[in-house]
Amino acid sequence: LQVSRPTIREYISLLSQIFLLEELPPWHSNRLSRLVKTPKLHI
């Protein structure tokens, strides 16, 4: 898209606010330290 990362973040927030996108957060546990902490995107 040739736009900045902050702009993409702003757009994702806007699209989430009108319920077109959802971020699925990562599960975490004290038993495992090697878990990925990045959310998934779902339309």
PDB file of all heavy atoms in Angstrom:
ATOM      1  N   LEU A   1       0.821  -1.217   0.000  1.00  0.00           N
ATOM      2  CA  LEU A   1       0.000   0.000   0.000  1.00  0.00           C
ATOM      3  C   LEU A   1       0.849   1.259   0.000  1.00  0.00           C
ATOM      4  O   LEU A   1       0.344   2.359  -0.210  1.00  0.00           O
ATOM      5  CB  LEU A   1      -0.926   0.014   1.223  1.00  0.00           C
ATOM      6  CG  LEU A   1      -1.954  -1.112   1.313  1.00  0.00           C
ATOM      7  CD1 LEU A   1      -2.824  -0.921   2.550  1.00  0.00           C
ATOM      8  CD2 LEU A   1      -2.821  -1.165   0.080  1.00  0.00           C
ATOM      9  N   GLN A   2       2.143   1.095   0.273  1.00  0.00           N
ATOM     10  CA  GLN A   2       3.080   2.222   0.338  1.00  0.00           C
ATOM     11  C   GLN A   2       2.628   3.286   1.341  1.00  0.00           C
ATOM     12  O   GLN A   2       2.619   4.484   1.058  1.00  0.00           O
ATOM     13  CB  GLN A   2       3.269   2.847  -1.059  1.00  0.00           C
ATOM     14  CG  GLN A   2       3.897   1.874  -2.055  1.00  0.00           C
ATOM     15  CD  GLN A   2       4.134   2.494  -3.412  1.00  0.00           C
ATOM     16  OE1 GLN A   2       3.440   3.424  -3.806  1.00  0.00           O
ATOM     17  NE2 GLN A   2       5.117   1.986  -4.128  1.00  0.00           N
ATOM     18  N   VAL A   3       2.223   2.806   2.503  1.00  0.00           N
ATOM     19  CA  VAL A   3       1.884   3.701   3.613  1.00  0.00           C
ATOM     20  C   VAL A   3       2.668   3.251   4.830  1.00  0.00           C
ATOM     21  O   VAL A   3       3.219   2.146   4.863  1.00  0.00           O
ATOM     22  CB  VAL A   3       0.370   3.702   3.919  1.00  0.00           C
ATOM     23  CG1 VAL A   3      -0.424   4.248   2.742  1.00  0.00           C
ATOM     24  CG2 VAL A   3      -0.112   2.304   4.277  1.00  0.00           C
ATOM     25  N   SER A   4       2.718   4.102   5.835  1.00  0.00           N
ATOM     26  CA  SER A   4       3.538   3.813   7.009  1.00  0.00           C
ATOM     27  C   SER A   4       2.871   2.779   7.911  1.00  0.00           C
ATOM     28  O   SER A   4       1.658   2.563   7.869  1.00  0.00           O
ATOM     29  CB  SER A   4       3.768   5.094   7.805  1.00  0.00           C
ATOM     30  OG  SER A   4       2.550   5.547   8.370  1.00  0.00           O
ATOM     31  N   ARG A   5       3.697   2.169   8.763  1.00  0.00           N
ATOM     32  CA  ARG A   5       3.171   1.210   9.734  1.00  0.00           C
ATOM     33  C   ARG A   5       2.154   1.861  10.682  1.00  0.00           C
ATOM     34  O   ARG A   5       1.099   1.274  10.943  1.00  0.00           O
ATOM     35  CB  ARG A   5       4.321   0.598  10.533  1.00  0.00           C
ATOM     36  CG  ARG A   5       5.165  -0.394   9.735  1.00  0.00           C
ATOM     37  CD  ARG A   5       6.465  -0.727  10.483  1.00  0.00           C
ATOM     38  NE  ARG A   5       6.231  -1.177  11.844  1.00  0.00           N
ATOM     39  CZ  ARG A   5       6.066  -2.446  12.198  1.00  0.00           C
ATOM     40  NH1 ARG A   5       6.132  -3.395  11.285  1.00  0.00           N
ATOM     41  NH2 ARG A   5       5.877  -2.770  13.455  1.00  0.00           N
ATOM     42  N   PRO A   6       2.418   3.071  11.204  1.00  0.00           N
ATOM     43  CA  PRO A   6       1.403   3.704  12.056  1.00  0.00           C
ATOM     44  C   PRO A   6       0.074   3.927  11.332  1.00  0.00           C
ATOM     45  O   PRO A   6      -1.001   3.805  11.936  1.00  0.00           O
ATOM     46  CB  PRO A   6       2.051   5.032  12.465  1.00  0.00           C
ATOM     47  CG  PRO A   6       3.525   4.775  12.363  1.00  0.00           C
ATOM     48  CD  PRO A   6       3.677   3.850  11.194  1.00  0.00           C
ATOM     49  N   THR A   7       0.137   4.254  10.040  1.00  0.00           N
ATOM     50  CA  THR A   7      -1.094   4.457   9.267  1.00  0.00           C
ATOM     51  C   THR A   7      -1.860   3.150   9.127  1.00  0.00           C
ATOM     52  O   THR A   7      -3.093   3.114   9.265  1.00  0.00           O
ATOM     53  CB  THR A   7      -0.783   5.028   7.883  1.00  0.00           C
ATOM     54  OG1 THR A   7      -0.142   6.296   8.034  1.00  0.00           O
ATOM     55  CG2 THR A   7      -2.056   5.223   7.062  1.00  0.00           C
ATOM     56  N   ILE A   8      -1.143   2.052   8.862  1.00  0.00           N
ATOM     57  CA  ILE A   8      -1.800   0.748   8.783  1.00  0.00           C
ATOM     58  C   ILE A   8      -2.455   0.415  10.116  1.00  0.00           C
ATOM     59  O   ILE A   8      -3.591  -0.081  10.161  1.00  0.00           O
ATOM     60  CB  ILE A   8      -0.791  -0.354   8.398  1.00  0.00           C
ATOM     61  CG1 ILE A   8      -0.386  -0.211   6.930  1.00  0.00           C
ATOM     62  CG2 ILE A   8      -1.372  -1.746   8.640  1.00  0.00           C
ATOM     63  CD1 ILE A   8      -1.507  -0.478   5.943  1.00  0.00           C
ATOM     64  N   ARG A   9      -1.764   0.697  11.195  1.00  0.00           N
ATOM     65  CA  ARG A   9      -2.326   0.444  12.517  1.00  0.00           C
ATOM     66  C   ARG A   9      -3.618   1.251  12.729  1.00  0.00           C
ATOM     67  O   ARG A   9      -4.613   0.764  13.276  1.00  0.00           O
ATOM     68  CB  ARG A   9      -1.312   0.793  13.599  1.00  0.00           C
ATOM     69  CG  ARG A   9      -0.639  -0.426  14.227  1.00  0.00           C
ATOM     70  CD  ARG A   9      -1.672  -1.183  14.962  1.00  0.00           C
ATOM     71  NE  ARG A   9      -1.195  -2.481  15.438  1.00  0.00           N
ATOM     72  CZ  ARG A   9      -2.013  -3.443  15.788  1.00  0.00           C
ATOM     73  NH1 ARG A   9      -3.307  -3.293  15.657  1.00  0.00           N
ATOM     74  NH2 ARG A   9      -1.581  -4.577  16.241  1.00  0.00           N
ATOM     75  N   GLU A  10      -3.598   2.517  12.293  1.00  0.00           N
ATOM     76  CA  GLU A  10      -4.788   3.364  12.415  1.00  0.00           C
ATOM     77  C   GLU A  10      -5.944   2.779  11.597  1.00  0.00           C
ATOM     78  O   GLU A  10      -7.084   2.719  12.058  1.00  0.00           O
ATOM     79  CB  GLU A  10      -4.474   4.785  11.932  1.00  0.00           C
ATOM     80  CG  GLU A  10      -5.684   5.716  11.959  1.00  0.00           C
ATOM     81  CD  GLU A  10      -5.420   7.036  11.258  1.00  0.00           C
ATOM     82  OE1 GLU A  10      -4.268   7.263  10.815  1.00  0.00           O
ATOM     83  OE2 GLU A  10      -6.373   7.820  11.140  1.00  0.00           O
ATOM     84  N   TYR A  11      -5.627   2.320  10.377  1.00  0.00           N
ATOM     85  CA  TYR A  11      -6.673   1.762   9.518  1.00  0.00           C
ATOM     86  C   TYR A  11      -7.241   0.470  10.103  1.00  0.00           C
ATOM     87  O   TYR A  11      -8.455   0.223  10.039  1.00  0.00           O
ATOM     88  CB  TYR A  11      -6.108   1.488   8.118  1.00  0.00           C
ATOM     89  CG  TYR A  11      -5.835   2.729   7.278  1.00  0.00           C
ATOM     90  CD1 TYR A  11      -5.225   2.610   6.034  1.00  0.00           C
ATOM     91  CD2 TYR A  11      -6.169   3.993   7.726  1.00  0.00           C
ATOM     92  CE1 TYR A  11      -4.974   3.730   5.236  1.00  0.00           C
ATOM     93  CE2 TYR A  11      -5.915   5.118   6.962  1.00  0.00           C
ATOM     94  CZ  TYR A  11      -5.314   4.981   5.716  1.00  0.00           C
ATOM     95  OH  TYR A  11      -5.074   6.084   4.945  1.00  0.00           O
ATOM     96  N   ILE A  12      -6.380  -0.368  10.656  1.00  0.00           N
ATOM     97  CA  ILE A  12      -6.857  -1.607  11.278  1.00  0.00           C
ATOM     98  C   ILE A  12      -7.791  -1.282  12.440  1.00  0.00           C
ATOM     99  O   ILE A  12      -8.837  -1.925  12.616  1.00  0.00           O
ATOM    100  CB  ILE A  12      -5.668  -2.474  11.741  1.00  0.00           C
ATOM    101  CG1 ILE A  12      -4.960  -3.080  10.520  1.00  0.00           C
ATOM    102  CG2 ILE A  12      -6.132  -3.587  12.678  1.00  0.00           C
ATOM    103  CD1 ILE A  12      -3.694  -3.832  10.867  1.00  0.00           C
ATOM    104  N   SER A  13      -7.445  -0.278  13.215  1.00  0.00           N
ATOM    105  CA  SER A  13      -8.312   0.129  14.334  1.00  0.00           C
ATOM    106  C   SER A  13      -9.666   0.613  13.842  1.00  0.00           C
ATOM    107  O   SER A  13     -10.707   0.287  14.427  1.00  0.00           O
ATOM    108  CB  SER A  13      -7.628   1.229  15.148  1.00  0.00           C
ATOM    109  OG  SER A  13      -6.462   0.746  15.769  1.00  0.00           O
ATOM    110  N   LEU A  14      -9.665   1.384  12.746  1.00  0.00           N
ATOM    111  CA  LEU A  14     -10.923   1.877  12.192  1.00  0.00           C
ATOM    112  C   LEU A  14     -11.791   0.732  11.674  1.00  0.00           C
ATOM    113  O   LEU A  14     -12.998   0.684  11.937  1.00  0.00           O
ATOM    114  CB  LEU A  14     -10.648   2.868  11.054  1.00  0.00           C
ATOM    115  CG  LEU A  14     -10.185   4.261  11.472  1.00  0.00           C
ATOM    116  CD1 LEU A  14      -9.725   5.054  10.248  1.00  0.00           C
ATOM    117  CD2 LEU A  14     -11.308   5.010  12.182  1.00  0.00           C
ATOM    118  N   LEU A  15     -11.183  -0.197  10.950  1.00  0.00           N
ATOM    119  CA  LEU A  15     -11.942  -1.324  10.412  1.00  0.00           C
ATOM    120  C   LEU A  15     -12.430  -2.243  11.529  1.00  0.00           C
ATOM    121  O   LEU A  15     -13.497  -2.852  11.424  1.00  0.00           O
ATOM    122  CB  LEU A  15     -11.089  -2.095   9.402  1.00  0.00           C
ATOM    123  CG  LEU A  15     -10.768  -1.328   8.118  1.00  0.00           C
ATOM    124  CD1 LEU A  15      -9.740  -2.083   7.279  1.00  0.00           C
ATOM    125  CD2 LEU A  15     -12.033  -1.078   7.285  1.00  0.00           C
ATOM    126  N   SER A  16     -11.666  -2.329  12.617  1.00  0.00           N
ATOM    127  CA  SER A  16     -12.112  -3.099  13.776  1.00  0.00           C
ATOM    128  C   SER A  16     -13.274  -2.403  14.468  1.00  0.00           C
ATOM    129  O   SER A  16     -14.206  -3.056  14.963  1.00  0.00           O
ATOM    130  CB  SER A  16     -10.964  -3.287  14.774  1.00  0.00           C
ATOM    131  OG  SER A  16      -9.900  -4.011  14.198  1.00  0.00           O
ATOM    132  N   GLN A  17     -13.233  -1.073  14.477  1.00  0.00           N
ATOM    133  CA  GLN A  17     -14.275  -0.321  15.170  1.00  0.00           C
ATOM    134  C   GLN A  17     -15.636  -0.469  14.491  1.00  0.00           C
ATOM    135  O   GLN A  17     -16.673  -0.382  15.144  1.00  0.00           O
ATOM    136  CB  GLN A  17     -13.898   1.160  15.262  1.00  0.00           C
ATOM    137  CG  GLN A  17     -14.745   1.941  16.246  1.00  0.00           C
ATOM    138  CD  GLN A  17     -14.178   3.310  16.568  1.00  0.00           C
ATOM    139  OE1 GLN A  17     -13.067   3.647  16.159  1.00  0.00           O
ATOM    140  NE2 GLN A  17     -14.922   4.114  17.289  1.00  0.00           N
ATOM    141  N   ILE A  18     -15.648  -0.733  13.175  1.00  0.00           N
ATOM    142  CA  ILE A  18     -16.922  -0.968  12.492  1.00  0.00           C
ATOM    143  C   ILE A  18     -17.142  -2.462  12.243  1.00  0.00           C
ATOM    144  O   ILE A  18     -17.920  -2.855  11.384  1.00  0.00           O
ATOM    145  CB  ILE A  18     -17.039  -0.157  11.183  1.00  0.00           C
ATOM    146  CG1 ILE A  18     -15.913  -0.487  10.209  1.00  0.00           C
ATOM    147  CG2 ILE A  18     -17.087   1.327  11.479  1.00  0.00           C
ATOM    148  CD1 ILE A  18     -16.118   0.138   8.827  1.00  0.00           C
ATOM    149  N   PHE A  19     -16.427  -3.286  12.999  1.00  0.00           N
ATOM    150  CA  PHE A  19     -16.664  -4.732  13.088  1.00  0.00           C
ATOM    151  C   PHE A  19     -16.323  -5.500  11.807  1.00  0.00           C
ATOM    152  O   PHE A  19     -16.817  -6.607  11.608  1.00  0.00           O
ATOM    153  CB  PHE A  19     -18.123  -5.014  13.464  1.00  0.00           C
ATOM    154  CG  PHE A  19     -18.562  -4.331  14.733  1.00  0.00           C
ATOM    155  CD1 PHE A  19     -19.337  -3.182  14.686  1.00  0.00           C
ATOM    156  CD2 PHE A  19     -18.184  -4.828  15.964  1.00  0.00           C
ATOM    157  CE1 PHE A  19     -19.734  -2.549  15.847  1.00  0.00           C
ATOM    158  CE2 PHE A  19     -18.580  -4.200  17.139  1.00  0.00           C
ATOM    159  CZ  PHE A  19     -19.355  -3.053  17.082  1.00  0.00           C
ATOM    160  N   LEU A  20     -15.444  -4.964  10.970  1.00  0.00           N
ATOM    161  CA  LEU A  20     -15.041  -5.693   9.773  1.00  0.00           C
ATOM    162  C   LEU A  20     -13.813  -6.563  10.021  1.00  0.00           C
ATOM    163  O   LEU A  20     -13.570  -7.517   9.275  1.00  0.00           O
ATOM    164  CB  LEU A  20     -14.756  -4.724   8.624  1.00  0.00           C
ATOM    165  CG  LEU A  20     -15.956  -3.957   8.082  1.00  0.00           C
ATOM    166  CD1 LEU A  20     -15.553  -3.158   6.847  1.00  0.00           C
ATOM    167  CD2 LEU A  20     -17.129  -4.873   7.764  1.00  0.00           C
ATOM    168  N   LEU A  21     -13.031  -6.234  11.037  1.00  0.00           N
ATOM    169  CA  LEU A  21     -11.842  -7.014  11.388  1.00  0.00           C
ATOM    170  C   LEU A  21     -11.867  -7.323  12.876  1.00  0.00           C
ATOM    171  O   LEU A  21     -12.442  -6.574  13.666  1.00  0.00           O
ATOM    172  CB  LEU A  21     -10.549  -6.234  11.090  1.00  0.00           C
ATOM    173  CG  LEU A  21     -10.271  -5.755   9.684  1.00  0.00           C
ATOM    174  CD1 LEU A  21      -8.918  -5.052   9.663  1.00  0.00           C
ATOM    175  CD2 LEU A  21     -10.291  -6.900   8.711  1.00  0.00           C
ATOM    176  N   GLU A  22     -11.198  -8.423  13.242  1.00  0.00           N
ATOM    177  CA  GLU A  22     -11.020  -8.751  14.651  1.00  0.00           C
ATOM    178  C   GLU A  22      -9.608  -9.260  14.855  1.00  0.00           C
ATOM    179  O   GLU A  22      -9.087 -10.011  14.030  1.00  0.00           O
ATOM    180  CB  GLU A  22     -12.007  -9.825  15.099  1.00  0.00           C
ATOM    181  CG  GLU A  22     -13.458  -9.382  15.070  1.00  0.00           C
ATOM    182  CD  GLU A  22     -14.379 -10.456  15.617  1.00  0.00           C
ATOM    183  OE1 GLU A  22     -13.983 -11.129  16.590  1.00  0.00           O
ATOM    184  OE2 GLU A  22     -15.479 -10.621  15.069  1.00  0.00           O
ATOM    185  N   GLU A  23      -9.003  -8.834  15.947  1.00  0.00           N
ATOM    186  CA  GLU A  23      -7.703  -9.365  16.336  1.00  0.00           C
ATOM    187  C   GLU A  23      -7.919 -10.410  17.426  1.00  0.00           C
ATOM    188  O   GLU A  23      -8.543 -10.127  18.453  1.00  0.00           O
ATOM    189  CB  GLU A  23      -6.792  -8.247  16.843  1.00  0.00           C
ATOM    190  CG  GLU A  23      -6.370  -7.278  15.753  1.00  0.00           C
ATOM    191  CD  GLU A  23      -5.369  -6.251  16.247  1.00  0.00           C
ATOM    192  OE1 GLU A  23      -4.479  -6.644  17.042  1.00  0.00           O
ATOM    193  OE2 GLU A  23      -5.480  -5.075  15.851  1.00  0.00           O
ATOM    194  N   LEU A  24      -7.418 -11.604  17.182  1.00  0.00           N
ATOM    195  CA  LEU A  24      -7.524 -12.697  18.142  1.00  0.00           C
ATOM    196  C   LEU A  24      -6.232 -12.744  18.950  1.00  0.00           C
ATOM    197  O   LEU A  24      -5.161 -13.043  18.398  1.00  0.00           O
ATOM    198  CB  LEU A  24      -7.764 -14.018  17.416  1.00  0.00           C
ATOM    199  CG  LEU A  24      -7.909 -15.276  18.274  1.00  0.00           C
ATOM    200  CD1 LEU A  24      -9.137 -15.161  19.185  1.00  0.00           C
ATOM    201  CD2 LEU A  24      -8.008 -16.518  17.401  1.00  0.00           C
ATOM    202  N   PRO A  25      -6.286 -12.457  20.247  1.00  0.00           N
ATOM    203  CA  PRO A  25      -5.051 -12.362  21.031  1.00  0.00           C
ATOM    204  C   PRO A  25      -4.411 -13.731  21.258  1.00  0.00           C
ATOM    205  O   PRO A  25      -5.079 -14.770  21.167  1.00  0.00           O
ATOM    206  CB  PRO A  25      -5.525 -11.757  22.358  1.00  0.00           C
ATOM    207  CG  PRO A  25      -6.955 -12.174  22.473  1.00  0.00           C
ATOM    208  CD  PRO A  25      -7.484 -12.184  21.062  1.00  0.00           C
ATOM    209  N   PRO A  26      -3.113 -13.747  21.567  1.00  0.00           N
ATOM    210  CA  PRO A  26      -2.434 -15.020  21.847  1.00  0.00           C
ATOM    211  C   PRO A  26      -2.750 -15.518  23.252  1.00  0.00           C
ATOM    212  O   PRO A  26      -2.899 -14.727  24.183  1.00  0.00           O
ATOM    213  CB  PRO A  26      -0.953 -14.652  21.714  1.00  0.00           C
ATOM    214  CG  PRO A  26      -0.904 -13.194  22.085  1.00  0.00           C
ATOM    215  CD  PRO A  26      -2.192 -12.599  21.603  1.00  0.00           C
ATOM    216  N   TRP A  27      -2.831 -16.815  23.398  1.00  0.00           N
ATOM    217  CA  TRP A  27      -2.973 -17.432  24.718  1.00  0.00           C
ATOM    218  C   TRP A  27      -1.609 -17.435  25.405  1.00  0.00           C
ATOM    219  O   TRP A  27      -0.572 -17.521  24.740  1.00  0.00           O
ATOM    220  CB  TRP A  27      -3.485 -18.862  24.562  1.00  0.00           C
ATOM    221  CG  TRP A  27      -3.794 -19.555  25.854  1.00  0.00           C
ATOM    222  CD1 TRP A  27      -4.904 -19.399  26.623  1.00  0.00           C
ATOM    223  CD2 TRP A  27      -2.978 -20.536  26.523  1.00  0.00           C
ATOM    224  NE1 TRP A  27      -4.851 -20.214  27.736  1.00  0.00           N
ATOM    225  CE2 TRP A  27      -3.675 -20.915  27.704  1.00  0.00           C
ATOM    226  CE3 TRP A  27      -1.740 -21.123  26.249  1.00  0.00           C
ATOM    227  CZ2 TRP A  27      -3.169 -21.867  28.594  1.00  0.00           C
ATOM    228  CZ3 TRP A  27      -1.228 -22.059  27.144  1.00  0.00           C
ATOM    229  CH2 TRP A  27      -1.944 -22.418  28.298  1.00  0.00           C
ATOM    230  N   HIS A  28      -1.596 -17.312  26.713  1.00  0.00           N
ATOM    231  CA  HIS A  28      -0.313 -17.308  27.418  1.00  0.00           C
ATOM    232  C   HIS A  28      -0.398 -18.209  28.640  1.00  0.00           C
ATOM    233  O   HIS A  28      -1.478 -18.487  29.173  1.00  0.00           O
ATOM    234  CB  HIS A  28       0.076 -15.893  27.839  1.00  0.00           C
ATOM    235  CG  HIS A  28      -0.933 -15.223  28.727  1.00  0.00           C
ATOM    236  ND1 HIS A  28      -0.944 -15.377  30.083  1.00  0.00           N
ATOM    237  CD2 HIS A  28      -1.974 -14.401  28.431  1.00  0.00           C
ATOM    238  CE1 HIS A  28      -1.934 -14.694  30.598  1.00  0.00           C
ATOM    239  NE2 HIS A  28      -2.588 -14.083  29.633  1.00  0.00           N
ATOM    240  N   SER A  29       0.755 -18.673  29.078  1.00  0.00           N
ATOM    241  CA  SER A  29       0.835 -19.549  30.239  1.00  0.00           C
ATOM    242  C   SER A  29       2.198 -19.399  30.888  1.00  0.00           C
ATOM    243  O   SER A  29       3.217 -19.266  30.201  1.00  0.00           O
ATOM    244  CB  SER A  29       0.620 -21.006  29.813  1.00  0.00           C
ATOM    245  OG  SER A  29       0.942 -21.899  30.865  1.00  0.00           O
ATOM    246  N   ASN A  30       2.211 -19.445  32.194  1.00  0.00           N
ATOM    247  CA  ASN A  30       3.482 -19.401  32.919  1.00  0.00           C
ATOM    248  C   ASN A  30       4.305 -20.675  32.720  1.00  0.00           C
ATOM    249  O   ASN A  30       5.506 -20.706  32.969  1.00  0.00           O
ATOM    250  CB  ASN A  30       3.231 -19.188  34.413  1.00  0.00           C
ATOM    251  CG  ASN A  30       2.651 -17.814  34.696  1.00  0.00           C
ATOM    252  OD1 ASN A  30       2.896 -16.872  33.945  1.00  0.00           O
ATOM    253  ND2 ASN A  30       1.872 -17.697  35.763  1.00  0.00           N
ATOM    254  N   ARG A  31       3.637 -21.744  32.258  1.00  0.00           N
ATOM    255  CA  ARG A  31       4.333 -23.010  32.048  1.00  0.00           C
ATOM    256  C   ARG A  31       5.209 -22.985  30.799  1.00  0.00           C
ATOM    257  O   ARG A  31       6.140 -23.768  30.680  1.00  0.00           O
ATOM    258  CB  ARG A  31       3.314 -24.141  31.900  1.00  0.00           C
ATOM    259  CG  ARG A  31       2.588 -24.509  33.195  1.00  0.00           C
ATOM    260  CD  ARG A  31       1.444 -25.464  32.885  1.00  0.00           C
ATOM    261  NE  ARG A  31       0.822 -25.965  34.101  1.00  0.00           N
ATOM    262  CZ  ARG A  31       1.006 -27.169  34.597  1.00  0.00           C
ATOM    263  NH1 ARG A  31       1.813 -28.014  34.003  1.00  0.00           N
ATOM    264  NH2 ARG A  31       0.392 -27.547  35.701  1.00  0.00           N
ATOM    265  N   LEU A  32       4.859 -22.113  29.844  1.00  0.00           N
ATOM    266  CA  LEU A  32       5.604 -22.054  28.581  1.00  0.00           C
ATOM    267  C   LEU A  32       6.100 -20.638  28.350  1.00  0.00           C
ATOM    268  O   LEU A  32       5.308 -19.700  28.308  1.00  0.00           O
ATOM    269  CB  LEU A  32       4.719 -22.480  27.399  1.00  0.00           C
ATOM    270  CG  LEU A  32       4.349 -23.964  27.304  1.00  0.00           C
ATOM    271  CD1 LEU A  32       3.429 -24.185  26.103  1.00  0.00           C
ATOM    272  CD2 LEU A  32       5.590 -24.825  27.174  1.00  0.00           C
ATOM    273  N   SER A  33       7.393 -20.479  28.184  1.00  0.00           N
ATOM    274  CA  SER A  33       7.959 -19.149  27.952  1.00  0.00           C
ATOM    275  C   SER A  33       8.185 -18.874  26.471  1.00  0.00           C
ATOM    276  O   SER A  33       8.461 -17.747  26.087  1.00  0.00           O
ATOM    277  CB  SER A  33       9.294 -19.017  28.703  1.00  0.00           C
ATOM    278  OG  SER A  33      10.227 -19.991  28.229  1.00  0.00           O
ATOM    279  N   ARG A  34       8.029 -19.909  25.619  1.00  0.00           N
ATOM    280  CA  ARG A  34       8.350 -19.753  24.200  1.00  0.00           C
ATOM    281  C   ARG A  34       7.094 -19.610  23.348  1.00  0.00           C
ATOM    282  O   ARG A  34       7.018 -20.087  22.229  1.00  0.00           O
ATOM    283  CB  ARG A  34       9.188 -20.932  23.713  1.00  0.00           C
ATOM    284  CG  ARG A  34      10.509 -21.087  24.465  1.00  0.00           C
ATOM    285  CD  ARG A  34      11.374 -22.195  23.914  1.00  0.00           C
ATOM    286  NE  ARG A  34      11.917 -21.865  22.607  1.00  0.00           N
ATOM    287  CZ  ARG A  34      11.513 -22.409  21.474  1.00  0.00           C
ATOM    288  NH1 ARG A  34      10.527 -23.287  21.448  1.00  0.00           N
ATOM    289  NH2 ARG A  34      12.072 -22.076  20.322  1.00  0.00           N
ATOM    290  N   LEU A  35       6.094 -18.941  23.887  1.00  0.00           N
ATOM    291  CA  LEU A  35       4.872 -18.721  23.130  1.00  0.00           C
ATOM    292  C   LEU A  35       4.964 -17.431  22.324  1.00  0.00           C
ATOM    293  O   LEU A  35       5.500 -16.421  22.788  1.00  0.00           O
ATOM    294  CB  LEU A  35       3.666 -18.650  24.068  1.00  0.00           C
ATOM    295  CG  LEU A  35       3.298 -19.938  24.800  1.00  0.00           C
ATOM    296  CD1 LEU A  35       2.144 -19.677  25.750  1.00  0.00           C
ATOM    297  CD2 LEU A  35       2.936 -21.039  23.808  1.00  0.00           C
ATOM    298  N   VAL A  36       4.442 -17.467  21.101  1.00  0.00           N
ATOM    299  CA  VAL A  36       4.395 -16.275  20.256  1.00  0.00           C
ATOM    300  C   VAL A  36       3.330 -15.335  20.797  1.00  0.00           C
ATOM    301  O   VAL A  36       2.230 -15.764  21.164  1.00  0.00           O
ATOM    302  CB  VAL A  36       4.082 -16.673  18.800  1.00  0.00           C
ATOM    303  CG1 VAL A  36       3.848 -15.441  17.938  1.00  0.00           C
ATOM    304  CG2 VAL A  36       5.229 -17.512  18.228  1.00  0.00           C
ATOM    305  N   LYS A  37       3.638 -14.052  20.865  1.00  0.00           N
ATOM    306  CA  LYS A  37       2.735 -13.081  21.479  1.00  0.00           C
ATOM    307  C   LYS A  37       2.021 -12.194  20.463  1.00  0.00           C
ATOM    308  O   LYS A  37       1.466 -11.152  20.813  1.00  0.00           O
ATOM    309  CB  LYS A  37       3.508 -12.214  22.477  1.00  0.00           C
ATOM    310  CG  LYS A  37       4.110 -13.023  23.621  1.00  0.00           C
ATOM    311  CD  LYS A  37       4.865 -12.149  24.592  1.00  0.00           C
ATOM    312  CE  LYS A  37       5.463 -12.982  25.726  1.00  0.00           C
ATOM    313  NZ  LYS A  37       6.230 -12.150  26.681  1.00  0.00           N
ATOM    314  N   THR A  38       2.017 -12.612  19.203  1.00  0.00           N
ATOM    315  CA  THR A  38       1.397 -11.829  18.134  1.00  0.00           C
ATOM    316  C   THR A  38      -0.059 -12.249  17.943  1.00  0.00           C
ATOM    317  O   THR A  38      -0.356 -13.442  17.920  1.00  0.00           O
ATOM    318  CB  THR A  38       2.158 -12.046  16.810  1.00  0.00           C
ATOM    319  OG1 THR A  38       3.529 -11.748  17.016  1.00  0.00           O
ATOM    320  CG2 THR A  38       1.597 -11.152  15.708  1.00  0.00           C
ATOM    321  N   PRO A  39      -0.985 -11.294  17.785  1.00  0.00           N
ATOM    322  CA  PRO A  39      -2.374 -11.677  17.539  1.00  0.00           C
ATOM    323  C   PRO A  39      -2.574 -12.188  16.114  1.00  0.00           C
ATOM    324  O   PRO A  39      -1.743 -11.958  15.231  1.00  0.00           O
ATOM    325  CB  PRO A  39      -3.145 -10.372  17.754  1.00  0.00           C
ATOM    326  CG  PRO A  39      -2.156  -9.296  17.464  1.00  0.00           C
ATOM    327  CD  PRO A  39      -0.815  -9.836  17.889  1.00  0.00           C
ATOM    328  N   LYS A  40      -3.675 -12.883  15.924  1.00  0.00           N
ATOM    329  CA  LYS A  40      -4.111 -13.267  14.584  1.00  0.00           C
ATOM    330  C   LYS A  40      -5.168 -12.280  14.101  1.00  0.00           C
ATOM    331  O   LYS A  40      -5.912 -11.702  14.898  1.00  0.00           O
ATOM    332  CB  LYS A  40      -4.742 -14.663  14.611  1.00  0.00           C
ATOM    333  CG  LYS A  40      -3.812 -15.815  14.328  1.00  0.00           C
ATOM    334  CD  LYS A  40      -4.613 -17.097  14.173  1.00  0.00           C
ATOM    335  CE  LYS A  40      -3.712 -18.268  13.775  1.00  0.00           C
ATOM    336  NZ  LYS A  40      -4.513 -19.500  13.565  1.00  0.00           N
ATOM    337  N   LEU A  41      -5.246 -12.114  12.792  1.00  0.00           N
ATOM    338  CA  LEU A  41      -6.309 -11.299  12.202  1.00  0.00           C
ATOM    339  C   LEU A  41      -7.391 -12.201  11.637  1.00  0.00           C
ATOM    340  O   LEU A  41      -7.091 -13.188  10.956  1.00  0.00           O
ATOM    341  CB  LEU A  41      -5.753 -10.424  11.074  1.00  0.00           C
ATOM    342  CG  LEU A  41      -5.290  -9.008  11.389  1.00  0.00           C
ATOM    343  CD1 LEU A  41      -4.958  -8.285  10.092  1.00  0.00           C
ATOM    344  CD2 LEU A  41      -6.339  -8.220  12.175  1.00  0.00           C
ATOM    345  N   HIS A  42      -8.627 -11.874  11.912  1.00  0.00           N
ATOM    346  CA  HIS A  42      -9.764 -12.541  11.285  1.00  0.00           C
ATOM    347  C   HIS A  42     -10.685 -11.478  10.693  1.00  0.00           C
ATOM    348  O   HIS A  42     -11.008 -10.494  11.364  1.00  0.00           O
ATOM    349  CB  HIS A  42     -10.554 -13.370  12.294  1.00  0.00           C
ATOM    350  CG  HIS A  42      -9.912 -14.668  12.648  1.00  0.00           C
ATOM    351  ND1 HIS A  42      -9.915 -15.749  11.797  1.00  0.00           N
ATOM    352  CD2 HIS A  42      -9.253 -15.061  13.768  1.00  0.00           C
ATOM    353  CE1 HIS A  42      -9.286 -16.764  12.373  1.00  0.00           C
ATOM    354  NE2 HIS A  42      -8.869 -16.364  13.569  1.00  0.00           N
ATOM    355  N   ILE A  43     -11.114 -11.689   9.459  1.00  0.00           N
ATOM    356  CA  ILE A  43     -12.110 -10.791   8.897  1.00  0.00           C
ATOM    357  C   ILE A  43     -13.453 -11.132   9.528  1.00  0.00           C
ATOM    358  O   ILE A  43     -13.691 -12.256   9.994  1.00  0.00           O
ATOM    359  CB  ILE A  43     -12.135 -10.902   7.357  1.00  0.00           C
ATOM    360  CG1 ILE A  43     -12.765  -9.643   6.747  1.00  0.00           C
ATOM    361  CG2 ILE A  43     -12.831 -12.174   6.898  1.00  0.00           C
ATOM    362  CD1 ILE A  43     -12.363  -9.387   5.322  1.00  0.00           C
TER     363      ILE A  43
END
